[in-house]
């Protein structure tokens, strides 16, 4: 007879988040290596150490969107809608931040876009803005922590489950 070793819900949730975070870190490492290898053959004047900062900024924004997406999968009717909403938020915030440079009327909206705080290669020239970095990571952590609470409350999403229908408490029981 096979023995089973059940894990607690929090361990399952943390394992999933750690796996996704490890995947992000591995992607950043591979991308960094891919950028550092040809760096010696360029005249950019950027060292391998200086190149770390844009990748840290990239990790921060991706982690921010990870937290937002995980949160949306718990508050929307099903996982695929939550993932779609997270991706749509990423795309819209990218365009709002980009168009804010062309249309000044979009500037107030761009401040709510995580892309507004993404430092890109500017961190090499201007130095890393650690407040923005910590802010993006904090938004991701808040999304993950709220999701963890919802998961602990047994808010499990199964594909196709859930709806936005209003449930009438006493009227449904009497009818």
Protein backbone atom coordinates (compact mmCIF):
# COMPACT_ATOMS: atom_id res chain seq x y z
CA UNK A 1 0.00 0.00 0.00
CA UNK A 2 1.40 3.36 -1.03
CA UNK A 3 1.76 6.05 1.58
CA UNK A 4 0.71 9.57 0.88
CA UNK A 5 2.30 12.65 2.30
CA UNK A 6 -0.28 15.41 2.24
CA UNK A 7 0.95 18.94 2.25
CA UNK A 8 -0.73 21.92 3.77
CA UNK A 9 -2.55 24.37 1.52
CA UNK A 10 -0.06 27.13 2.28
CA UNK A 11 2.83 24.88 1.25
CA UNK A 12 1.12 24.14 -2.05
CA UNK A 13 0.50 27.83 -2.71
CA UNK A 14 4.03 28.85 -1.71
CA UNK A 15 5.49 26.12 -3.89
CA UNK A 16 3.62 27.44 -6.91
CA UNK A 17 4.68 31.04 -6.26
CA UNK A 18 8.30 30.04 -5.61
CA UNK A 19 8.33 28.01 -8.83
CA UNK A 20 7.01 30.97 -10.83
CA UNK A 21 9.50 33.32 -9.16
CA UNK A 22 12.33 30.88 -9.82
CA UNK A 23 11.23 30.75 -13.46
CA UNK A 24 11.40 34.55 -13.64
CA UNK A 25 14.86 34.56 -12.07
CA UNK A 26 16.10 31.87 -14.47
CA UNK A 27 14.77 33.83 -17.44
CA UNK A 28 16.57 36.94 -16.17
CA UNK A 29 19.81 34.98 -15.74
CA UNK A 30 19.63 33.53 -19.26
CA UNK A 31 18.77 36.91 -20.75
CA UNK A 32 21.61 38.52 -18.80
CA UNK A 33 24.10 35.93 -20.03
CA UNK A 34 22.82 36.44 -23.56
CA UNK A 35 23.45 40.17 -23.22
CA UNK A 36 26.84 39.88 -21.48
CA UNK A 37 28.46 37.46 -23.93
CA UNK A 38 28.54 39.89 -26.88
CA UNK A 39 29.17 42.89 -24.59
CA UNK A 40 32.95 42.65 -25.00
CA UNK A 41 32.63 43.10 -28.77
CA UNK A 42 30.68 46.36 -28.51
CA UNK A 43 31.75 49.95 -27.98
CA UNK A 44 28.91 50.68 -25.55
CA UNK A 45 31.23 51.22 -22.60
CA UNK A 46 29.01 49.23 -20.25
CA UNK A 47 30.45 46.68 -17.88
CA UNK A 48 28.85 43.37 -17.01
CA UNK A 49 28.18 44.66 -13.48
CA UNK A 50 26.44 47.81 -14.76
CA UNK A 51 24.23 45.63 -16.95
CA UNK A 52 22.74 43.92 -13.88
CA UNK A 53 20.59 46.92 -12.93
CA UNK A 54 18.29 46.89 -16.00
CA UNK A 55 17.70 43.20 -15.43
CA UNK A 56 16.83 43.85 -11.78
CA UNK A 57 14.33 46.44 -12.97
CA UNK A 58 12.92 43.94 -15.47
CA UNK A 59 12.55 41.37 -12.70
CA UNK A 60 10.74 43.92 -10.51
CA UNK A 61 8.14 44.75 -13.15
CA UNK A 62 7.59 41.10 -14.08
CA UNK A 63 7.19 40.20 -10.40
CA UNK A 64 4.72 43.07 -10.03
CA UNK A 65 2.63 41.68 -12.89
CA UNK A 66 2.93 38.18 -11.44
CA UNK A 67 1.37 39.38 -8.19
CA UNK A 68 -1.37 41.29 -10.01
CA UNK A 69 -2.19 38.31 -12.23
CA UNK A 70 -2.30 35.85 -9.35
CA UNK A 71 -4.59 38.21 -7.46
CA UNK A 72 -6.90 38.62 -10.48
CA UNK A 73 -7.23 34.85 -10.84
CA UNK A 74 -8.79 34.77 -7.37
CA UNK A 75 -11.17 37.71 -7.66
CA UNK A 76 -12.52 37.11 -11.16
CA UNK A 77 -14.96 34.28 -11.96
CA UNK A 78 -12.34 31.88 -13.35
CA UNK A 79 -8.61 31.47 -13.79
CA UNK A 80 -8.50 32.05 -17.51
CA UNK A 81 -10.41 35.32 -17.15
CA UNK A 82 -8.03 36.37 -14.37
CA UNK A 83 -4.96 35.54 -16.46
CA UNK A 84 -6.47 37.34 -19.44
CA UNK A 85 -7.24 40.41 -17.33
CA UNK A 86 -3.67 40.39 -15.99
CA UNK A 87 -2.25 40.24 -19.51
CA UNK A 88 -4.65 42.92 -20.70
CA UNK A 89 -3.60 45.15 -17.80
CA UNK A 90 0.04 44.65 -18.78
CA UNK A 91 -0.63 45.58 -22.42
CA UNK A 92 -2.81 48.59 -21.59
CA UNK A 93 -0.33 49.94 -19.05
CA UNK A 94 2.49 49.54 -21.57
CA UNK A 95 0.62 51.58 -24.18
CA UNK A 96 -0.60 54.23 -21.73
CA UNK A 97 2.95 54.78 -20.51
CA UNK A 98 4.26 54.95 -24.06
CA UNK A 99 1.55 57.28 -25.37
CA UNK A 100 1.89 59.56 -22.33
CA UNK A 101 5.13 60.80 -23.86
CA UNK A 102 3.19 61.88 -26.96
CA UNK A 103 -0.08 63.05 -25.40
CA UNK A 104 0.29 64.96 -22.14
CA UNK A 105 -3.37 64.29 -21.24
CA UNK A 106 -2.40 60.67 -20.57
CA UNK A 107 0.34 61.60 -18.11
CA UNK A 108 -1.92 61.40 -15.00
CA UNK A 109 -2.99 57.88 -16.04
CA UNK A 110 0.59 56.83 -16.76
CA UNK A 111 1.51 57.35 -13.10
CA UNK A 112 -0.78 54.39 -12.28
CA UNK A 113 1.01 52.20 -14.82
CA UNK A 114 3.75 49.94 -13.47
CA UNK A 115 5.61 50.64 -16.71
CA UNK A 116 5.99 54.24 -15.57
CA UNK A 117 8.32 52.91 -12.85
CA UNK A 118 10.18 50.47 -15.08
CA UNK A 119 13.71 51.83 -15.41
CA UNK A 120 14.86 50.08 -18.59
CA UNK A 121 18.44 50.92 -19.54
CA UNK A 122 18.11 54.33 -17.87
CA UNK A 123 19.36 52.71 -14.69
CA UNK A 124 22.80 52.32 -16.29
CA UNK A 125 23.10 56.04 -17.03
CA UNK A 126 21.09 57.59 -14.19
CA UNK A 127 21.62 54.94 -11.53
CA UNK A 128 19.04 52.58 -10.13
CA UNK A 129 16.02 54.13 -8.43
CA UNK A 130 15.68 51.68 -5.57
CA UNK A 131 12.41 53.21 -4.35
CA UNK A 132 10.75 52.34 -7.67
CA UNK A 133 12.31 48.87 -7.58
CA UNK A 134 11.03 48.23 -4.04
CA UNK A 135 7.62 49.68 -4.95
CA UNK A 136 7.15 47.32 -7.90
CA UNK A 137 8.25 44.30 -5.85
CA UNK A 138 5.96 45.42 -2.99
CA UNK A 139 2.93 45.60 -5.32
CA UNK A 140 3.71 42.06 -6.47
CA UNK A 141 4.07 40.87 -2.88
CA UNK A 142 0.78 42.48 -1.83
CA UNK A 143 -1.02 40.74 -4.71
CA UNK A 144 0.54 37.43 -3.73
CA UNK A 145 -0.22 37.85 -0.02
CA UNK A 146 -3.87 38.71 -0.67
CA UNK A 147 -4.07 35.71 -3.00
CA UNK A 148 -2.55 33.51 -0.30
CA UNK A 149 -5.26 34.59 2.15
CA UNK A 150 -7.95 33.88 -0.44
CA UNK A 151 -6.42 30.47 -1.17
CA UNK A 152 -6.34 29.65 2.53
CA UNK A 153 -10.04 30.54 2.68
CA UNK A 154 -10.56 27.83 0.07
CA UNK A 155 -11.19 30.24 -2.78
CA UNK A 156 -10.13 27.68 -5.36
CA UNK A 157 -10.75 28.39 -9.00
CA UNK A 158 -11.48 25.57 -11.38
CA UNK A 159 -11.78 26.34 -15.08
CA UNK A 160 -15.31 27.46 -15.85
CA UNK A 161 -16.24 27.83 -12.18
CA UNK A 162 -17.74 31.00 -10.82
CA UNK A 163 -19.86 33.77 -12.20
CA UNK A 164 -20.75 37.36 -11.56
CA UNK A 165 -24.41 36.60 -10.98
CA UNK A 166 -26.03 38.16 -7.94
CA UNK A 167 -27.30 35.58 -5.51
CA UNK A 168 -30.57 36.48 -3.86
CA UNK A 169 -30.51 35.02 -0.38
CA UNK A 170 -34.03 34.67 0.85
CA UNK A 171 -35.88 35.20 -2.44
CA UNK A 172 -34.31 32.08 -4.02
CA UNK A 173 -35.16 29.89 -1.04
CA UNK A 174 -38.84 30.90 -0.98
CA UNK A 175 -39.42 30.47 -4.72
